[in-house]
Amino acid sequence: MLNIGLTGSIGMGKSTTAAMFREAGIPVYDADAAVADLYLEGGAAVAPLEAAFPGVTKDGAVDREALRQRVLGDDAAMAKLNSVVHPLLGKDRVAFYERARAANADMVVLDIPLLFETGGHMNMDAVVVVSAPADQQRERVLARPGMTPDRLDAILARQMADAEKRARAHFVVDTGRGLEAAREQVAEIIAVMRDPLRRPTRA
């Protein structure tokens, strides 16, 4: 079973692209959705995060904004957060693989926002980077409720530059050209990965 890493900076259209892989029948592991589940009431991350960052839970769930305020711009706090969340995500991912194997999937997509930043790309058979022109990216993100230019800049500062991601990718999906063009690019990626003669050499 092939592992395809899907990544891209905020506002590039990664979630939309992941949905296109799902529509094509490819199982997709959504790291952000998995984290959200861990933060819900009764989630496995609630108690350990409250222990690590007292006051970041409310009504039995993690208050994501409170947690964000505690770790934003603080590398040590971010490392502590990752030390709690990443092992829990690992267990969740094992269950995802078991379901994919039971469905006889020939490949899976792992949607991981910080794939390069965390070194996860080393475990992939190919990496797909979702990209779009910078002006479209900013327009999309600043249209989100509660988003400000300063907050966007802080988020981008934690992420590898889009140009570097594109340079390191096996495939780039350009969402700036519209949905149909992106869907065609996804279909071509799947076709290439299923063809041993065209499949990229693993990094």
N, C-alpha and C. Protein backbone atom coordinates (compact mmCIF):
# COMPACT_ATOMS: atom_id res chain seq x y z
N MET A 1 0.85 -1.20 0.00
CA MET A 1 0.00 0.00 0.00
C MET A 1 0.88 1.24 0.00
N LEU A 2 0.67 2.11 -0.98
CA LEU A 2 1.48 3.31 -1.12
C LEU A 2 1.01 4.42 -0.19
N ASN A 3 1.97 5.17 0.34
CA ASN A 3 1.68 6.32 1.19
C ASN A 3 1.92 7.60 0.40
N ILE A 4 0.88 8.40 0.25
CA ILE A 4 1.01 9.69 -0.42
C ILE A 4 0.79 10.78 0.62
N GLY A 5 1.80 11.63 0.81
CA GLY A 5 1.66 12.74 1.73
C GLY A 5 1.04 13.93 1.02
N LEU A 6 0.05 14.52 1.63
CA LEU A 6 -0.62 15.70 1.07
C LEU A 6 -0.40 16.87 2.01
N THR A 7 0.16 17.94 1.51
CA THR A 7 0.44 19.09 2.36
C THR A 7 0.30 20.38 1.58
N GLY A 8 0.41 21.48 2.28
CA GLY A 8 0.27 22.79 1.66
C GLY A 8 0.01 23.82 2.74
N SER A 9 0.42 25.03 2.48
CA SER A 9 0.24 26.09 3.47
C SER A 9 -1.23 26.45 3.63
N ILE A 10 -1.53 27.19 4.67
CA ILE A 10 -2.90 27.61 4.95
C ILE A 10 -3.49 28.36 3.76
N GLY A 11 -4.75 28.05 3.45
CA GLY A 11 -5.46 28.76 2.40
C GLY A 11 -5.15 28.32 0.98
N MET A 12 -4.40 27.24 0.83
CA MET A 12 -4.02 26.80 -0.51
C MET A 12 -5.04 25.87 -1.17
N GLY A 13 -6.00 25.37 -0.37
CA GLY A 13 -7.00 24.46 -0.93
C GLY A 13 -6.74 23.00 -0.65
N LYS A 14 -5.98 22.73 0.43
CA LYS A 14 -5.62 21.35 0.74
C LYS A 14 -6.83 20.50 1.08
N SER A 15 -7.75 21.04 1.87
CA SER A 15 -8.94 20.26 2.26
C SER A 15 -9.79 19.92 1.04
N THR A 16 -9.91 20.87 0.13
CA THR A 16 -10.67 20.62 -1.10
C THR A 16 -9.99 19.54 -1.93
N THR A 17 -8.67 19.58 -2.01
CA THR A 17 -7.92 18.58 -2.77
C THR A 17 -8.04 17.21 -2.11
N ALA A 18 -7.99 17.17 -0.78
CA ALA A 18 -8.15 15.90 -0.08
C ALA A 18 -9.51 15.28 -0.40
N ALA A 19 -10.54 16.12 -0.47
CA ALA A 19 -11.88 15.64 -0.80
C ALA A 19 -11.90 15.02 -2.19
N MET A 20 -11.11 15.56 -3.10
CA MET A 20 -11.04 15.02 -4.47
C MET A 20 -10.43 13.62 -4.47
N PHE A 21 -9.42 13.40 -3.64
CA PHE A 21 -8.86 12.06 -3.51
C PHE A 21 -9.92 11.10 -2.95
N ARG A 22 -10.68 11.55 -1.95
CA ARG A 22 -11.74 10.70 -1.39
C ARG A 22 -12.77 10.35 -2.45
N GLU A 23 -13.17 11.34 -3.24
CA GLU A 23 -14.16 11.11 -4.30
C GLU A 23 -13.66 10.07 -5.30
N ALA A 24 -12.33 9.99 -5.46
CA ALA A 24 -11.74 9.02 -6.37
C ALA A 24 -11.56 7.65 -5.72
N GLY A 25 -12.00 7.51 -4.48
CA GLY A 25 -11.94 6.22 -3.81
C GLY A 25 -10.67 5.95 -3.02
N ILE A 26 -9.86 6.98 -2.82
CA ILE A 26 -8.61 6.81 -2.07
C ILE A 26 -8.85 7.17 -0.61
N PRO A 27 -8.55 6.27 0.34
CA PRO A 27 -8.70 6.61 1.76
C PRO A 27 -7.80 7.78 2.14
N VAL A 28 -8.34 8.74 2.87
CA VAL A 28 -7.58 9.92 3.28
C VAL A 28 -7.57 10.02 4.81
N TYR A 29 -6.38 10.16 5.36
CA TYR A 29 -6.23 10.40 6.79
C TYR A 29 -6.07 11.89 6.99
N ASP A 30 -6.99 12.51 7.71
CA ASP A 30 -6.99 13.95 7.95
C ASP A 30 -6.44 14.21 9.34
N ALA A 31 -5.18 14.66 9.41
CA ALA A 31 -4.54 14.88 10.71
C ALA A 31 -5.26 15.95 11.51
N ASP A 32 -5.71 17.01 10.85
CA ASP A 32 -6.42 18.07 11.57
C ASP A 32 -7.72 17.56 12.19
N ALA A 33 -8.46 16.76 11.43
CA ALA A 33 -9.72 16.20 11.94
C ALA A 33 -9.44 15.25 13.11
N ALA A 34 -8.35 14.50 13.00
CA ALA A 34 -7.99 13.58 14.08
C ALA A 34 -7.65 14.35 15.35
N VAL A 35 -6.94 15.48 15.20
CA VAL A 35 -6.61 16.31 16.36
C VAL A 35 -7.90 16.87 16.97
N ALA A 36 -8.81 17.32 16.11
CA ALA A 36 -10.07 17.86 16.60
C ALA A 36 -10.81 16.83 17.44
N ASP A 37 -10.81 15.58 17.01
CA ASP A 37 -11.46 14.51 17.76
C ASP A 37 -10.79 14.30 19.12
N LEU A 38 -9.45 14.40 19.14
CA LEU A 38 -8.72 14.23 20.39
C LEU A 38 -9.05 15.33 21.39
N TYR A 39 -9.45 16.52 20.88
CA TYR A 39 -9.72 17.67 21.72
C TYR A 39 -11.16 17.73 22.22
N LEU A 40 -12.04 16.91 21.64
CA LEU A 40 -13.45 16.94 22.04
C LEU A 40 -13.63 16.41 23.46
N GLU A 41 -14.79 16.67 24.04
CA GLU A 41 -15.10 16.14 25.36
C GLU A 41 -14.93 14.63 25.36
N GLY A 42 -14.14 14.13 26.29
CA GLY A 42 -13.86 12.71 26.35
C GLY A 42 -12.71 12.28 25.47
N GLY A 43 -12.14 13.21 24.70
CA GLY A 43 -11.02 12.90 23.81
C GLY A 43 -9.76 12.56 24.58
N ALA A 44 -8.90 11.78 23.95
CA ALA A 44 -7.72 11.27 24.64
C ALA A 44 -6.71 12.36 24.99
N ALA A 45 -6.79 13.52 24.32
CA ALA A 45 -5.80 14.57 24.59
C ALA A 45 -6.23 15.53 25.70
N VAL A 46 -7.48 15.47 26.12
CA VAL A 46 -8.00 16.48 27.04
C VAL A 46 -7.24 16.49 28.38
N ALA A 47 -7.18 15.36 29.04
CA ALA A 47 -6.53 15.31 30.35
C ALA A 47 -5.04 15.62 30.28
N PRO A 48 -4.28 15.01 29.36
CA PRO A 48 -2.84 15.32 29.33
C PRO A 48 -2.54 16.78 28.95
N LEU A 49 -3.38 17.39 28.12
CA LEU A 49 -3.14 18.79 27.77
C LEU A 49 -3.48 19.72 28.93
N GLU A 50 -4.50 19.38 29.69
CA GLU A 50 -4.82 20.18 30.88
C GLU A 50 -3.68 20.08 31.89
N ALA A 51 -3.08 18.89 31.98
CA ALA A 51 -1.95 18.72 32.89
C ALA A 51 -0.74 19.52 32.43
N ALA A 52 -0.53 19.56 31.12
CA ALA A 52 0.63 20.26 30.57
C ALA A 52 0.43 21.77 30.53
N PHE A 53 -0.83 22.19 30.27
CA PHE A 53 -1.16 23.61 30.15
C PHE A 53 -2.42 23.91 30.97
N PRO A 54 -2.29 24.01 32.28
CA PRO A 54 -3.48 24.21 33.12
C PRO A 54 -4.33 25.39 32.65
N GLY A 55 -5.64 25.12 32.55
CA GLY A 55 -6.57 26.17 32.16
C GLY A 55 -6.96 26.18 30.70
N VAL A 56 -6.44 25.22 29.90
CA VAL A 56 -6.77 25.25 28.46
C VAL A 56 -7.98 24.36 28.12
N THR A 57 -8.62 23.79 29.13
CA THR A 57 -9.82 23.00 28.86
C THR A 57 -11.04 23.72 29.45
N LYS A 58 -12.18 23.44 28.84
CA LYS A 58 -13.43 24.04 29.29
C LYS A 58 -14.55 23.04 29.03
N ASP A 59 -15.36 22.78 30.06
CA ASP A 59 -16.47 21.83 29.94
C ASP A 59 -16.01 20.48 29.42
N GLY A 60 -14.84 20.04 29.86
CA GLY A 60 -14.37 18.70 29.53
C GLY A 60 -13.73 18.56 28.16
N ALA A 61 -13.54 19.67 27.45
CA ALA A 61 -12.92 19.63 26.13
C ALA A 61 -11.80 20.66 26.08
N VAL A 62 -10.91 20.52 25.11
CA VAL A 62 -9.84 21.49 24.95
C VAL A 62 -10.40 22.75 24.29
N ASP A 63 -10.10 23.89 24.89
CA ASP A 63 -10.45 25.18 24.30
C ASP A 63 -9.33 25.53 23.33
N ARG A 64 -9.58 25.34 22.03
CA ARG A 64 -8.52 25.47 21.03
C ARG A 64 -7.93 26.88 20.99
N GLU A 65 -8.77 27.89 21.20
CA GLU A 65 -8.25 29.25 21.17
C GLU A 65 -7.35 29.51 22.38
N ALA A 66 -7.74 29.01 23.54
CA ALA A 66 -6.91 29.17 24.74
C ALA A 66 -5.58 28.45 24.55
N LEU A 67 -5.64 27.26 23.97
CA LEU A 67 -4.41 26.51 23.73
C LEU A 67 -3.52 27.24 22.72
N ARG A 68 -4.15 27.77 21.67
CA ARG A 68 -3.39 28.50 20.66
C ARG A 68 -2.65 29.68 21.28
N GLN A 69 -3.35 30.39 22.17
CA GLN A 69 -2.73 31.55 22.82
C GLN A 69 -1.53 31.13 23.68
N ARG A 70 -1.60 29.93 24.25
CA ARG A 70 -0.53 29.46 25.13
C ARG A 70 0.73 29.06 24.35
N VAL A 71 0.56 28.59 23.12
CA VAL A 71 1.71 28.03 22.40
C VAL A 71 2.21 28.91 21.25
N LEU A 72 1.39 29.84 20.78
CA LEU A 72 1.78 30.63 19.61
C LEU A 72 3.03 31.45 19.89
N GLY A 73 4.03 31.26 19.06
CA GLY A 73 5.28 32.00 19.21
C GLY A 73 6.20 31.48 20.29
N ASP A 74 5.85 30.37 20.92
CA ASP A 74 6.67 29.80 22.00
C ASP A 74 7.11 28.40 21.57
N ASP A 75 8.34 28.28 21.11
CA ASP A 75 8.83 27.00 20.58
C ASP A 75 8.81 25.90 21.63
N ALA A 76 9.14 26.23 22.87
CA ALA A 76 9.17 25.22 23.93
C ALA A 76 7.75 24.71 24.20
N ALA A 77 6.79 25.62 24.24
CA ALA A 77 5.40 25.21 24.46
C ALA A 77 4.88 24.38 23.30
N MET A 78 5.27 24.76 22.09
CA MET A 78 4.85 23.99 20.92
C MET A 78 5.43 22.58 20.96
N ALA A 79 6.67 22.47 21.38
CA ALA A 79 7.30 21.15 21.50
C ALA A 79 6.58 20.30 22.54
N LYS A 80 6.18 20.93 23.64
CA LYS A 80 5.44 20.21 24.68
C LYS A 80 4.09 19.74 24.15
N LEU A 81 3.42 20.62 23.41
CA LEU A 81 2.14 20.26 22.81
C LEU A 81 2.30 19.06 21.88
N ASN A 82 3.31 19.12 21.01
CA ASN A 82 3.54 18.03 20.07
C ASN A 82 3.88 16.72 20.78
N SER A 83 4.57 16.82 21.91
CA SER A 83 4.95 15.60 22.65
C SER A 83 3.72 14.90 23.23
N VAL A 84 2.66 15.65 23.45
CA VAL A 84 1.40 15.06 23.93
C VAL A 84 0.57 14.53 22.76
N VAL A 85 0.44 15.35 21.72
CA VAL A 85 -0.51 15.04 20.65
C VAL A 85 0.02 13.99 19.67
N HIS A 86 1.29 14.07 19.30
CA HIS A 86 1.80 13.19 18.25
C HIS A 86 1.68 11.70 18.57
N PRO A 87 2.01 11.26 19.80
CA PRO A 87 1.82 9.83 20.09
C PRO A 87 0.35 9.39 19.99
N LEU A 88 -0.57 10.27 20.38
CA LEU A 88 -1.99 9.94 20.28
C LEU A 88 -2.41 9.85 18.81
N LEU A 89 -1.88 10.75 18.00
CA LEU A 89 -2.17 10.68 16.57
C LEU A 89 -1.63 9.40 15.96
N GLY A 90 -0.47 8.96 16.45
CA GLY A 90 0.11 7.72 15.93
C GLY A 90 -0.82 6.54 16.12
N LYS A 91 -1.44 6.45 17.28
CA LYS A 91 -2.39 5.35 17.53
C LYS A 91 -3.59 5.45 16.60
N ASP A 92 -4.07 6.67 16.38
CA ASP A 92 -5.22 6.87 15.51
C ASP A 92 -4.88 6.48 14.07
N ARG A 93 -3.65 6.78 13.66
CA ARG A 93 -3.22 6.47 12.29
C ARG A 93 -3.11 4.96 12.08
N VAL A 94 -2.69 4.24 13.10
CA VAL A 94 -2.62 2.77 13.00
C VAL A 94 -4.01 2.21 12.69
N ALA A 95 -5.02 2.72 13.37
CA ALA A 95 -6.39 2.26 13.13
C ALA A 95 -6.84 2.59 11.70
N PHE A 96 -6.43 3.76 11.20
CA PHE A 96 -6.75 4.15 9.82
C PHE A 96 -6.15 3.15 8.83
N TYR A 97 -4.88 2.79 9.03
CA TYR A 97 -4.22 1.84 8.14
C TYR A 97 -4.92 0.48 8.16
N GLU A 98 -5.35 0.08 9.33
CA GLU A 98 -6.04 -1.21 9.44
C GLU A 98 -7.32 -1.21 8.62
N ARG A 99 -8.06 -0.09 8.67
CA ARG A 99 -9.29 0.02 7.88
C ARG A 99 -8.98 0.03 6.38
N ALA A 100 -7.91 0.72 6.00
CA ALA A 100 -7.55 0.80 4.58
C ALA A 100 -7.14 -0.57 4.04
N ARG A 101 -6.38 -1.31 4.83
CA ARG A 101 -5.98 -2.66 4.40
C ARG A 101 -7.19 -3.58 4.28
N ALA A 102 -8.11 -3.46 5.21
CA ALA A 102 -9.32 -4.28 5.15
C ALA A 102 -10.14 -3.98 3.90
N ALA A 103 -10.03 -2.75 3.41
CA ALA A 103 -10.76 -2.34 2.19
C ALA A 103 -9.94 -2.62 0.93
N ASN A 104 -8.77 -3.26 1.10
CA ASN A 104 -7.89 -3.59 -0.03
C ASN A 104 -7.44 -2.35 -0.82
N ALA A 105 -7.20 -1.26 -0.12
CA ALA A 105 -6.73 -0.04 -0.78
C ALA A 105 -5.30 -0.23 -1.28
N ASP A 106 -5.02 0.26 -2.49
CA ASP A 106 -3.66 0.15 -3.01
C ASP A 106 -2.81 1.36 -2.65
N MET A 107 -3.47 2.43 -2.17
CA MET A 107 -2.75 3.61 -1.72
C MET A 107 -3.62 4.36 -0.73
N VAL A 108 -2.97 5.18 0.10
CA VAL A 108 -3.69 6.06 1.02
C VAL A 108 -3.06 7.43 0.94
N VAL A 109 -3.85 8.44 1.27
CA VAL A 109 -3.36 9.81 1.34
C VAL A 109 -3.35 10.25 2.79
N LEU A 110 -2.24 10.82 3.22
CA LEU A 110 -2.14 11.35 4.58
C LEU A 110 -2.08 12.87 4.48
N ASP A 111 -3.16 13.51 4.89
CA ASP A 111 -3.31 14.96 4.83
C ASP A 111 -2.69 15.54 6.10
N ILE A 112 -1.46 16.07 5.97
CA ILE A 112 -0.70 16.53 7.14
C ILE A 112 -0.17 17.94 6.85
N PRO A 113 -0.73 18.97 7.49
CA PRO A 113 -0.33 20.34 7.21
C PRO A 113 1.17 20.59 7.34
N LEU A 114 1.80 20.07 8.39
CA LEU A 114 3.22 20.32 8.63
C LEU A 114 4.06 19.10 8.26
N LEU A 115 3.77 18.51 7.12
CA LEU A 115 4.44 17.27 6.71
C LEU A 115 5.96 17.46 6.61
N PHE A 116 6.41 18.49 5.91
CA PHE A 116 7.84 18.73 5.77
C PHE A 116 8.45 19.19 7.09
N GLU A 117 7.73 20.08 7.78
CA GLU A 117 8.27 20.66 9.01
C GLU A 117 8.53 19.60 10.09
N THR A 118 7.74 18.54 10.10
CA THR A 118 7.89 17.49 11.10
C THR A 118 8.72 16.30 10.61
N GLY A 119 9.18 16.36 9.35
CA GLY A 119 9.97 15.26 8.79
C GLY A 119 9.14 14.09 8.31
N GLY A 120 7.82 14.23 8.32
CA GLY A 120 6.95 13.12 7.91
C GLY A 120 7.09 12.74 6.46
N HIS A 121 7.59 13.65 5.64
CA HIS A 121 7.74 13.35 4.21
C HIS A 121 8.70 12.20 3.97
N MET A 122 9.59 11.93 4.92
CA MET A 122 10.55 10.85 4.76
C MET A 122 9.89 9.48 4.74
N ASN A 123 8.66 9.39 5.26
CA ASN A 123 7.95 8.12 5.32
C ASN A 123 6.96 7.95 4.16
N MET A 124 6.99 8.86 3.19
CA MET A 124 6.03 8.83 2.11
C MET A 124 6.64 8.28 0.81
N ASP A 125 5.81 7.63 0.01
CA ASP A 125 6.24 7.18 -1.31
C ASP A 125 6.21 8.34 -2.30
N ALA A 126 5.39 9.33 -2.04
CA ALA A 126 5.34 10.54 -2.85
C ALA A 126 4.70 11.65 -2.02
N VAL A 127 5.03 12.89 -2.35
CA VAL A 127 4.47 14.03 -1.65
C VAL A 127 3.76 14.93 -2.66
N VAL A 128 2.52 15.28 -2.33
CA VAL A 128 1.72 16.20 -3.14
C VAL A 128 1.61 17.52 -2.37
N VAL A 129 2.01 18.61 -2.99
CA VAL A 129 1.87 19.93 -2.39
C VAL A 129 0.76 20.68 -3.10
N VAL A 130 -0.17 21.22 -2.32
CA VAL A 130 -1.27 22.02 -2.86
C VAL A 130 -0.84 23.48 -2.78
N SER A 131 -0.97 24.18 -3.89
CA SER A 131 -0.47 25.54 -3.95
C SER A 131 -1.44 26.43 -4.72
N ALA A 132 -1.24 27.73 -4.58
CA ALA A 132 -2.02 28.74 -5.30
C ALA A 132 -1.23 30.04 -5.23
N PRO A 133 -1.53 31.00 -6.09
CA PRO A 133 -0.84 32.28 -6.02
C PRO A 133 -1.02 32.93 -4.65
N ALA A 134 0.02 33.65 -4.20
CA ALA A 134 0.03 34.23 -2.85
C ALA A 134 -1.15 35.18 -2.62
N ASP A 135 -1.54 35.94 -3.64
CA ASP A 135 -2.66 36.86 -3.44
C ASP A 135 -3.97 36.13 -3.22
N GLN A 136 -4.15 35.00 -3.92
CA GLN A 136 -5.35 34.18 -3.70
C GLN A 136 -5.33 33.57 -2.31
N GLN A 137 -4.16 33.11 -1.88
CA GLN A 137 -4.02 32.53 -0.55
C GLN A 137 -4.45 33.52 0.52
N ARG A 138 -3.92 34.73 0.48
CA ARG A 138 -4.25 35.73 1.50
C ARG A 138 -5.73 36.09 1.46
N GLU A 139 -6.27 36.21 0.26
CA GLU A 139 -7.69 36.55 0.13
C GLU A 139 -8.57 35.47 0.76
N ARG A 140 -8.23 34.21 0.50
CA ARG A 140 -9.01 33.10 1.05
C ARG A 140 -8.95 33.08 2.58
N VAL A 141 -7.74 33.22 3.12
CA VAL A 141 -7.56 33.09 4.56
C VAL A 141 -8.18 34.28 5.30
N LEU A 142 -7.98 35.48 4.78
CA LEU A 142 -8.50 36.67 5.47
C LEU A 142 -10.02 36.75 5.41
N ALA A 143 -10.64 35.94 4.56
CA ALA A 143 -12.10 35.89 4.52
C ALA A 143 -12.67 35.01 5.63
N ARG A 144 -11.80 34.27 6.33
CA ARG A 144 -12.27 33.39 7.39
C ARG A 144 -12.63 34.21 8.63
N PRO A 145 -13.68 33.81 9.36
CA PRO A 145 -14.08 34.54 10.56
C PRO A 145 -12.95 34.60 11.58
N GLY A 146 -12.71 35.78 12.11
CA GLY A 146 -11.72 35.94 13.16
C GLY A 146 -10.28 36.03 12.70
N MET A 147 -10.05 35.88 11.40
CA MET A 147 -8.67 35.93 10.91
C MET A 147 -8.24 37.37 10.70
N THR A 148 -7.01 37.65 11.05
CA THR A 148 -6.43 38.98 10.86
C THR A 148 -5.11 38.85 10.11
N PRO A 149 -4.63 39.92 9.49
CA PRO A 149 -3.33 39.84 8.81
C PRO A 149 -2.20 39.42 9.75
N ASP A 150 -2.20 39.92 10.99
CA ASP A 150 -1.14 39.56 11.93
C ASP A 150 -1.19 38.08 12.29
N ARG A 151 -2.41 37.57 12.49
CA ARG A 151 -2.53 36.15 12.82
C ARG A 151 -2.09 35.29 11.64
N LEU A 152 -2.47 35.70 10.43
CA LEU A 152 -2.05 34.95 9.24
C LEU A 152 -0.53 34.94 9.13
N ASP A 153 0.10 36.09 9.35
CA ASP A 153 1.56 36.16 9.25
C ASP A 153 2.23 35.27 10.29
N ALA A 154 1.63 35.19 11.49
CA ALA A 154 2.19 34.33 12.54
C ALA A 154 2.10 32.86 12.14
N ILE A 155 0.98 32.49 11.52
CA ILE A 155 0.81 31.11 11.07
C ILE A 155 1.81 30.79 9.97
N LEU A 156 1.94 31.69 9.01
CA LEU A 156 2.86 31.47 7.89
C LEU A 156 4.31 31.38 8.36
N ALA A 157 4.62 32.10 9.43
CA ALA A 157 5.99 32.07 9.96
C ALA A 157 6.37 30.69 10.48
N ARG A 158 5.37 29.89 10.88
CA ARG A 158 5.63 28.54 11.39
C ARG A 158 5.69 27.52 10.26
N GLN A 159 5.28 27.91 9.07
CA GLN A 159 5.21 26.98 7.96
C GLN A 159 6.34 27.21 6.97
N MET A 160 6.81 26.14 6.38
CA MET A 160 7.81 26.26 5.33
C MET A 160 7.25 27.07 4.17
N ALA A 161 8.08 27.87 3.54
CA ALA A 161 7.63 28.72 2.44
C ALA A 161 7.05 27.87 1.32
N ASP A 162 6.01 28.38 0.69
CA ASP A 162 5.33 27.65 -0.38
C ASP A 162 6.31 27.29 -1.50
N ALA A 163 7.20 28.19 -1.87
CA ALA A 163 8.14 27.91 -2.96
C ALA A 163 9.03 26.72 -2.62
N GLU A 164 9.45 26.62 -1.37
CA GLU A 164 10.30 25.50 -0.97
C GLU A 164 9.50 24.19 -0.98
N LYS A 165 8.26 24.25 -0.53
CA LYS A 165 7.42 23.05 -0.57
C LYS A 165 7.25 22.55 -2.00
N ARG A 166 6.96 23.47 -2.90
CA ARG A 166 6.78 23.08 -4.30
C ARG A 166 8.05 22.46 -4.86
N ALA A 167 9.19 23.03 -4.50
CA ALA A 167 10.47 22.52 -5.00
C ALA A 167 10.76 21.11 -4.50
N ARG A 168 10.24 20.76 -3.33
CA ARG A 168 10.52 19.46 -2.73
C ARG A 168 9.44 18.42 -3.04
N ALA A 169 8.37 18.83 -3.68
CA ALA A 169 7.24 17.94 -3.95
C ALA A 169 7.50 17.04 -5.16
N HIS A 170 6.85 15.88 -5.16
CA HIS A 170 6.81 15.04 -6.36
C HIS A 170 5.72 15.54 -7.31
N PHE A 171 4.64 16.05 -6.72
CA PHE A 171 3.51 16.58 -7.50
C PHE A 171 3.05 17.89 -6.87
N VAL A 172 2.58 18.81 -7.70
CA VAL A 172 1.97 20.04 -7.22
C VAL A 172 0.58 20.16 -7.82
N VAL A 173 -0.42 20.38 -6.95
CA VAL A 173 -1.78 20.65 -7.40
C VAL A 173 -2.01 22.15 -7.28
N ASP A 174 -2.24 22.80 -8.41
CA ASP A 174 -2.45 24.25 -8.43
C ASP A 174 -3.95 24.53 -8.37
N THR A 175 -4.41 24.95 -7.19
CA THR A 175 -5.85 25.22 -7.03
C THR A 175 -6.23 26.60 -7.54
N GLY A 176 -5.26 27.39 -7.94
CA GLY A 176 -5.55 28.72 -8.46
C GLY A 176 -6.17 28.69 -9.84
N ARG A 177 -6.17 27.53 -10.47
CA ARG A 177 -6.70 27.39 -11.82
C ARG A 177 -8.14 26.89 -11.83
N GLY A 178 -8.75 26.70 -10.66
CA GLY A 178 -10.13 26.27 -10.60
C GLY A 178 -10.28 24.82 -10.19
N LEU A 179 -11.51 24.45 -9.80
CA LEU A 179 -11.77 23.11 -9.27
C LEU A 179 -11.58 22.01 -10.29
N GLU A 180 -12.06 22.21 -11.51
CA GLU A 180 -11.97 21.15 -12.51
C GLU A 180 -10.51 20.86 -12.87
N ALA A 181 -9.72 21.91 -12.98
CA ALA A 181 -8.30 21.72 -13.27
C ALA A 181 -7.63 20.96 -12.13
N ALA A 182 -7.98 21.29 -10.90
CA ALA A 182 -7.41 20.59 -9.75
C ALA A 182 -7.83 19.12 -9.74
N ARG A 183 -9.09 18.87 -10.07
CA ARG A 183 -9.58 17.49 -10.10
C ARG A 183 -8.84 16.66 -11.16
N GLU A 184 -8.56 17.29 -12.29
CA GLU A 184 -7.80 16.59 -13.34
C GLU A 184 -6.38 16.28 -12.86
N GLN A 185 -5.79 17.21 -12.13
CA GLN A 185 -4.44 16.98 -11.60
C GLN A 185 -4.44 15.82 -10.61
N VAL A 186 -5.46 15.75 -9.77
CA VAL A 186 -5.56 14.65 -8.80
C VAL A 186 -5.70 13.32 -9.52
N ALA A 187 -6.53 13.27 -10.53
CA ALA A 187 -6.72 12.03 -11.30
C ALA A 187 -5.40 11.58 -11.94
N GLU A 188 -4.64 12.53 -12.44
CA GLU A 188 -3.35 12.20 -13.06
C GLU A 188 -2.36 11.68 -12.02
N ILE A 189 -2.36 12.27 -10.83
CA ILE A 189 -1.47 11.79 -9.76
C ILE A 189 -1.79 10.33 -9.42
N ILE A 190 -3.06 10.02 -9.28
CA ILE A 190 -3.47 8.65 -8.96
C ILE A 190 -3.03 7.69 -10.06
N ALA A 191 -3.21 8.12 -11.33
CA ALA A 191 -2.81 7.27 -12.45
C ALA A 191 -1.30 7.03 -12.45
N VAL A 192 -0.52 8.07 -12.20
CA VAL A 192 0.93 7.93 -12.17
C VAL A 192 1.36 7.01 -11.04
N MET A 193 0.77 7.16 -9.87
CA MET A 193 1.15 6.32 -8.73
C MET A 193 0.78 4.85 -8.94
N ARG A 194 -0.22 4.60 -9.76
CA ARG A 194 -0.61 3.21 -10.03
C ARG A 194 0.21 2.58 -11.16
N ASP A 195 1.08 3.37 -11.78
CA ASP A 195 1.90 2.88 -12.89
C ASP A 195 3.35 2.80 -12.42
N PRO A 196 3.87 1.59 -12.19
CA PRO A 196 5.24 1.47 -11.66
C PRO A 196 6.29 2.12 -12.57
N LEU A 197 6.01 2.24 -13.85
CA LEU A 197 6.98 2.84 -14.77
C LEU A 197 7.01 4.35 -14.67
N ARG A 198 5.93 4.95 -14.17
CA ARG A 198 5.87 6.41 -14.06
C ARG A 198 5.99 6.89 -12.62
N ARG A 199 5.81 6.00 -11.69
CA ARG A 199 5.82 6.38 -10.27
C ARG A 199 7.17 6.99 -9.89
N PRO A 200 7.18 8.11 -9.14
CA PRO A 200 8.45 8.73 -8.77
C PRO A 200 9.25 7.86 -7.81
N THR A 201 10.55 8.06 -7.86
CA THR A 201 11.43 7.33 -6.93
C THR A 201 11.25 7.91 -5.54
N ARG A 202 11.13 7.03 -4.60
CA ARG A 202 10.93 7.48 -3.22
C ARG A 202 12.12 8.26 -2.73
N ALA A 203 11.85 9.43 -2.08
CA ALA A 203 12.93 10.28 -1.57
C ALA A 203 13.64 9.60 -0.41
